[in-house]
């Protein structure tokens, strides 16, 4: 009989960063992973960190959650480096916003609460001249907020007695 003891196989690759959670971090990660209003990406990142903190290997966490090992490695190292803040999305590339919240608010207030002096409602061009933005910017703001100032939401009943006779006659004929 062989009496030699077997040692567990050595892990290949770089040494994993130590991942220890405080009680508060543990509670926050579990809450974010369960919360219905959390984005699915954030919930997955929380489950990755919780799996790594339980002592599982990157490969085991990846297999359990159905993600790749590089994904687990990425979120484990980000958490170790920046803790909970490291799990948030980083800013995406691209141009920064040029229209401020104050400008958007000004467009909304003018659209909903005022009318131009020479018209019944704002057009994108007239409002653009008024606030100093482009016509397409006004269009995008209106679309984002579902505004259609050119469509009338109300109607007016005629007080003309002959019009009611005409409409009653036209209804009787059909």
C-alpha atoms as a PDB file:
ATOM      1  CA  UNK A   1       0.000   0.000   0.000  1.00  0.00           C
ATOM      2  CA  UNK A   2       1.086   3.459  -0.774  1.00  0.00           C
ATOM      3  CA  UNK A   3       1.226   5.587   2.369  1.00  0.00           C
ATOM      4  CA  UNK A   4       2.275   8.812   0.725  1.00  0.00           C
ATOM      5  CA  UNK A   5      -0.075  11.741   1.131  1.00  0.00           C
ATOM      6  CA  UNK A   6      -1.314  13.537  -1.878  1.00  0.00           C
ATOM      7  CA  UNK A   7      -0.961  17.271  -2.041  1.00  0.00           C
ATOM      8  CA  UNK A   8      -3.587  19.242  -3.910  1.00  0.00           C
ATOM      9  CA  UNK A   9      -2.558  20.239  -7.421  1.00  0.00           C
ATOM     10  CA  UNK A  10      -0.887  23.622  -7.678  1.00  0.00           C
ATOM     11  CA  UNK A  11      -2.832  26.395  -9.280  1.00  0.00           C
ATOM     12  CA  UNK A  12      -1.361  27.697 -12.495  1.00  0.00           C
ATOM     13  CA  UNK A  13      -1.180  31.379 -13.386  1.00  0.00           C
ATOM     14  CA  UNK A  14      -0.609  34.479 -11.292  1.00  0.00           C
ATOM     15  CA  UNK A  15      -1.458  34.497  -7.604  1.00  0.00           C
ATOM     16  CA  UNK A  16      -5.019  35.627  -6.958  1.00  0.00           C
ATOM     17  CA  UNK A  17      -5.515  38.866  -5.108  1.00  0.00           C
ATOM     18  CA  UNK A  18      -6.780  38.298  -1.564  1.00  0.00           C
ATOM     19  CA  UNK A  19     -10.472  39.149  -1.368  1.00  0.00           C
ATOM     20  CA  UNK A  20     -11.881  39.740   2.097  1.00  0.00           C
ATOM     21  CA  UNK A  21     -15.177  41.529   2.659  1.00  0.00           C
ATOM     22  CA  UNK A  22     -16.277  43.604   5.614  1.00  0.00           C
ATOM     23  CA  UNK A  23     -19.717  42.856   7.033  1.00  0.00           C
ATOM     24  CA  UNK A  24     -21.045  46.085   5.522  1.00  0.00           C
ATOM     25  CA  UNK A  25     -19.614  45.263   2.074  1.00  0.00           C
ATOM     26  CA  UNK A  26     -21.057  41.751   2.267  1.00  0.00           C
ATOM     27  CA  UNK A  27     -24.518  43.131   3.114  1.00  0.00           C
ATOM     28  CA  UNK A  28     -24.339  45.771   0.374  1.00  0.00           C
ATOM     29  CA  UNK A  29     -23.228  43.262  -2.280  1.00  0.00           C
ATOM     30  CA  UNK A  30     -25.981  40.809  -1.318  1.00  0.00           C
ATOM     31  CA  UNK A  31     -28.573  43.612  -1.376  1.00  0.00           C
ATOM     32  CA  UNK A  32     -27.415  44.837  -4.808  1.00  0.00           C
ATOM     33  CA  UNK A  33     -27.388  41.287  -6.195  1.00  0.00           C
ATOM     34  CA  UNK A  34     -30.997  40.669  -5.038  1.00  0.00           C
ATOM     35  CA  UNK A  35     -32.546  44.085  -5.632  1.00  0.00           C
ATOM     36  CA  UNK A  36     -35.016  44.178  -8.503  1.00  0.00           C
ATOM     37  CA  UNK A  37     -34.036  47.724  -9.463  1.00  0.00           C
ATOM     38  CA  UNK A  38     -30.313  46.959  -9.816  1.00  0.00           C
ATOM     39  CA  UNK A  39     -29.024  46.688 -13.333  1.00  0.00           C
ATOM     40  CA  UNK A  40     -28.282  43.120 -14.373  1.00  0.00           C
ATOM     41  CA  UNK A  41     -24.644  43.983 -15.023  1.00  0.00           C
ATOM     42  CA  UNK A  42     -24.176  45.314 -11.479  1.00  0.00           C
ATOM     43  CA  UNK A  43     -25.986  42.313  -9.993  1.00  0.00           C
ATOM     44  CA  UNK A  44     -23.690  39.943 -11.913  1.00  0.00           C
ATOM     45  CA  UNK A  45     -20.593  41.812 -10.717  1.00  0.00           C
ATOM     46  CA  UNK A  46     -21.839  41.517  -7.138  1.00  0.00           C
ATOM     47  CA  UNK A  47     -22.391  37.769  -7.539  1.00  0.00           C
ATOM     48  CA  UNK A  48     -18.874  37.437  -8.980  1.00  0.00           C
ATOM     49  CA  UNK A  49     -17.315  39.236  -6.004  1.00  0.00           C
ATOM     50  CA  UNK A  50     -19.432  37.262  -3.509  1.00  0.00           C
ATOM     51  CA  UNK A  51     -18.397  33.997  -5.181  1.00  0.00           C
ATOM     52  CA  UNK A  52     -14.716  34.977  -5.075  1.00  0.00           C
ATOM     53  CA  UNK A  53     -15.013  36.063  -1.440  1.00  0.00           C
ATOM     54  CA  UNK A  54     -16.433  32.667  -0.512  1.00  0.00           C
ATOM     55  CA  UNK A  55     -13.095  31.146  -1.483  1.00  0.00           C
ATOM     56  CA  UNK A  56     -14.011  29.733  -4.869  1.00  0.00           C
ATOM     57  CA  UNK A  57     -11.493  29.910  -7.684  1.00  0.00           C
ATOM     58  CA  UNK A  58     -11.990  32.210 -10.649  1.00  0.00           C
ATOM     59  CA  UNK A  59     -12.685  29.190 -12.856  1.00  0.00           C
ATOM     60  CA  UNK A  60     -15.322  27.847 -10.460  1.00  0.00           C
ATOM     61  CA  UNK A  61     -17.064  31.228 -10.177  1.00  0.00           C
ATOM     62  CA  UNK A  62     -16.961  31.644 -13.960  1.00  0.00           C
ATOM     63  CA  UNK A  63     -18.491  28.212 -14.517  1.00  0.00           C
ATOM     64  CA  UNK A  64     -21.137  28.708 -11.827  1.00  0.00           C
ATOM     65  CA  UNK A  65     -22.260  32.098 -13.205  1.00  0.00           C
ATOM     66  CA  UNK A  66     -21.824  31.319 -16.887  1.00  0.00           C
ATOM     67  CA  UNK A  67     -19.195  33.963 -17.604  1.00  0.00           C
ATOM     68  CA  UNK A  68     -15.599  33.789 -18.797  1.00  0.00           C
ATOM     69  CA  UNK A  69     -12.601  33.569 -16.477  1.00  0.00           C
ATOM     70  CA  UNK A  70     -11.213  36.915 -17.704  1.00  0.00           C
ATOM     71  CA  UNK A  71     -14.522  38.527 -16.678  1.00  0.00           C
ATOM     72  CA  UNK A  72     -14.212  37.124 -13.162  1.00  0.00           C
ATOM     73  CA  UNK A  73     -10.558  38.194 -12.987  1.00  0.00           C
ATOM     74  CA  UNK A  74     -11.429  41.714 -14.134  1.00  0.00           C
ATOM     75  CA  UNK A  75     -14.165  42.299 -11.521  1.00  0.00           C
ATOM     76  CA  UNK A  76     -12.200  40.609  -8.747  1.00  0.00           C
ATOM     77  CA  UNK A  77      -9.185  42.867  -9.340  1.00  0.00           C
ATOM     78  CA  UNK A  78     -11.351  46.000  -9.703  1.00  0.00           C
ATOM     79  CA  UNK A  79     -13.062  45.234  -6.411  1.00  0.00           C
ATOM     80  CA  UNK A  80      -9.756  44.642  -4.650  1.00  0.00           C
ATOM     81  CA  UNK A  81      -8.387  47.926  -6.011  1.00  0.00           C
ATOM     82  CA  UNK A  82     -11.426  50.199  -5.545  1.00  0.00           C
ATOM     83  CA  UNK A  83     -13.870  48.223  -3.385  1.00  0.00           C
ATOM     84  CA  UNK A  84     -17.590  48.914  -4.046  1.00  0.00           C
ATOM     85  CA  UNK A  85     -16.895  51.931  -6.267  1.00  0.00           C
ATOM     86  CA  UNK A  86     -14.938  49.645  -8.599  1.00  0.00           C
ATOM     87  CA  UNK A  87     -18.113  47.773  -9.543  1.00  0.00           C
ATOM     88  CA  UNK A  88     -19.768  50.810 -11.123  1.00  0.00           C
ATOM     89  CA  UNK A  89     -19.657  51.385 -14.866  1.00  0.00           C
ATOM     90  CA  UNK A  90     -16.812  53.568 -16.022  1.00  0.00           C
ATOM     91  CA  UNK A  91     -17.523  56.499 -18.321  1.00  0.00           C
ATOM     92  CA  UNK A  92     -17.888  55.476 -21.929  1.00  0.00           C
ATOM     93  CA  UNK A  93     -15.775  56.980 -24.672  1.00  0.00           C
ATOM     94  CA  UNK A  94     -17.225  59.684 -26.847  1.00  0.00           C
ATOM     95  CA  UNK A  95     -17.897  63.367 -26.790  1.00  0.00           C
ATOM     96  CA  UNK A  96     -19.030  64.945 -23.563  1.00  0.00           C
ATOM     97  CA  UNK A  97     -22.507  66.444 -23.360  1.00  0.00           C
ATOM     98  CA  UNK A  98     -22.669  69.956 -24.741  1.00  0.00           C
ATOM     99  CA  UNK A  99     -26.243  70.730 -23.701  1.00  0.00           C
ATOM    100  CA  UNK A 100     -26.500  71.385 -19.973  1.00  0.00           C
ATOM    101  CA  UNK A 101     -29.372  70.420 -17.704  1.00  0.00           C
ATOM    102  CA  UNK A 102     -30.185  74.102 -17.304  1.00  0.00           C
ATOM    103  CA  UNK A 103     -30.574  74.485 -21.071  1.00  0.00           C
ATOM    104  CA  UNK A 104     -32.843  71.438 -21.217  1.00  0.00           C
ATOM    105  CA  UNK A 105     -34.924  72.876 -18.373  1.00  0.00           C
ATOM    106  CA  UNK A 106     -35.152  76.226 -20.185  1.00  0.00           C
ATOM    107  CA  UNK A 107     -36.397  74.493 -23.357  1.00  0.00           C
ATOM    108  CA  UNK A 108     -39.010  72.542 -21.390  1.00  0.00           C
ATOM    109  CA  UNK A 109     -40.256  75.587 -19.485  1.00  0.00           C
ATOM    110  CA  UNK A 110     -40.544  77.702 -22.633  1.00  0.00           C
ATOM    111  CA  UNK A 111     -42.266  74.904 -24.529  1.00  0.00           C
ATOM    112  CA  UNK A 112     -44.821  74.113 -21.852  1.00  0.00           C
ATOM    113  CA  UNK A 113     -45.478  77.485 -20.243  1.00  0.00           C
ATOM    114  CA  UNK A 114     -45.133  80.125 -22.971  1.00  0.00           C
ATOM    115  CA  UNK A 115     -46.058  80.768 -26.576  1.00  0.00           C
ATOM    116  CA  UNK A 116     -44.150  82.839 -29.093  1.00  0.00           C
ATOM    117  CA  UNK A 117     -45.447  86.333 -29.807  1.00  0.00           C
ATOM    118  CA  UNK A 118     -46.129  85.661 -33.493  1.00  0.00           C
ATOM    119  CA  UNK A 119     -47.514  82.094 -33.384  1.00  0.00           C
ATOM    120  CA  UNK A 120     -49.812  79.724 -31.490  1.00  0.00           C
ATOM    121  CA  UNK A 121     -47.066  77.295 -30.486  1.00  0.00           C
ATOM    122  CA  UNK A 122     -43.307  76.905 -30.632  1.00  0.00           C
ATOM    123  CA  UNK A 123     -41.653  75.362 -33.641  1.00  0.00           C
ATOM    124  CA  UNK A 124     -38.232  73.782 -33.308  1.00  0.00           C
ATOM    125  CA  UNK A 125     -36.675  76.570 -35.359  1.00  0.00           C
ATOM    126  CA  UNK A 126     -38.283  79.452 -33.463  1.00  0.00           C
ATOM    127  CA  UNK A 127     -37.421  77.953 -30.076  1.00  0.00           C
ATOM    128  CA  UNK A 128     -33.869  77.234 -31.257  1.00  0.00           C
ATOM    129  CA  UNK A 129     -33.431  80.917 -32.162  1.00  0.00           C
ATOM    130  CA  UNK A 130     -34.866  81.953 -28.795  1.00  0.00           C
ATOM    131  CA  UNK A 131     -32.579  79.783 -26.613  1.00  0.00           C
ATOM    132  CA  UNK A 132     -29.479  79.643 -28.798  1.00  0.00           C
ATOM    133  CA  UNK A 133     -29.449  75.910 -29.538  1.00  0.00           C
ATOM    134  CA  UNK A 134     -29.720  74.069 -32.826  1.00  0.00           C
ATOM    135  CA  UNK A 135     -33.051  73.020 -34.249  1.00  0.00           C
ATOM    136  CA  UNK A 136     -32.052  69.358 -34.031  1.00  0.00           C
ATOM    137  CA  UNK A 137     -31.131  69.772 -30.338  1.00  0.00           C
ATOM    138  CA  UNK A 138     -34.627  71.125 -29.646  1.00  0.00           C
ATOM    139  CA  UNK A 139     -36.058  68.192 -31.600  1.00  0.00           C
ATOM    140  CA  UNK A 140     -34.041  65.678 -29.540  1.00  0.00           C
ATOM    141  CA  UNK A 141     -35.140  67.285 -26.259  1.00  0.00           C
ATOM    142  CA  UNK A 142     -38.794  67.274 -27.305  1.00  0.00           C
ATOM    143  CA  UNK A 143     -38.529  63.639 -28.409  1.00  0.00           C
ATOM    144  CA  UNK A 144     -36.851  62.616 -25.155  1.00  0.00           C
ATOM    145  CA  UNK A 145     -39.674  64.151 -23.126  1.00  0.00           C
ATOM    146  CA  UNK A 146     -42.488  63.165 -25.491  1.00  0.00           C
ATOM    147  CA  UNK A 147     -43.440  66.762 -26.304  1.00  0.00           C
ATOM    148  CA  UNK A 148     -45.427  67.577 -29.437  1.00  0.00           C
ATOM    149  CA  UNK A 149     -46.438  71.219 -29.162  1.00  0.00           C
ATOM    150  CA  UNK A 150     -47.761  71.253 -32.731  1.00  0.00           C
ATOM    151  CA  UNK A 151     -50.499  68.761 -31.763  1.00  0.00           C
ATOM    152  CA  UNK A 152     -53.485  70.258 -29.976  1.00  0.00           C
ATOM    153  CA  UNK A 153     -54.804  68.273 -27.000  1.00  0.00           C
ATOM    154  CA  UNK A 154     -58.104  70.128 -26.699  1.00  0.00           C
ATOM    155  CA  UNK A 155     -61.004  70.987 -28.965  1.00  0.00           C
ATOM    156  CA  UNK A 156     -63.647  73.673 -28.922  1.00  0.00           C
ATOM    157  CA  UNK A 157     -67.361  73.105 -29.335  1.00  0.00           C
ATOM    158  CA  UNK A 158     -69.024  75.654 -31.537  1.00  0.00           C
ATOM    159  CA  UNK A 159     -71.647  77.922 -29.953  1.00  0.00           C
ATOM    160  CA  UNK A 160     -73.210  78.586 -33.345  1.00  0.00           C
ATOM    161  CA  UNK A 161     -76.764  77.121 -33.256  1.00  0.00           C
ATOM    162  CA  UNK A 162     -76.765  76.442 -37.002  1.00  0.00           C
ATOM    163  CA  UNK A 163     -73.650  74.255 -36.733  1.00  0.00           C
ATOM    164  CA  UNK A 164     -75.357  71.910 -34.291  1.00  0.00           C
ATOM    165  CA  UNK A 165     -78.330  71.596 -36.703  1.00  0.00           C
ATOM    166  CA  UNK A 166     -75.928  70.880 -39.558  1.00  0.00           C
ATOM    167  CA  UNK A 167     -74.044  68.188 -37.602  1.00  0.00           C
ATOM    168  CA  UNK A 168     -77.299  66.572 -36.465  1.00  0.00           C
ATOM    169  CA  UNK A 169     -78.543  66.574 -40.057  1.00  0.00           C
ATOM    170  CA  UNK A 170     -75.316  65.086 -41.355  1.00  0.00           C
ATOM    171  CA  UNK A 171     -75.434  62.364 -38.693  1.00  0.00           C
ATOM    172  CA  UNK A 172     -79.045  61.519 -39.573  1.00  0.00           C
ATOM    173  CA  UNK A 173     -78.162  61.171 -43.235  1.00  0.00           C
ATOM    174  CA  UNK A 174     -75.476  58.592 -42.693  1.00  0.00           C
END
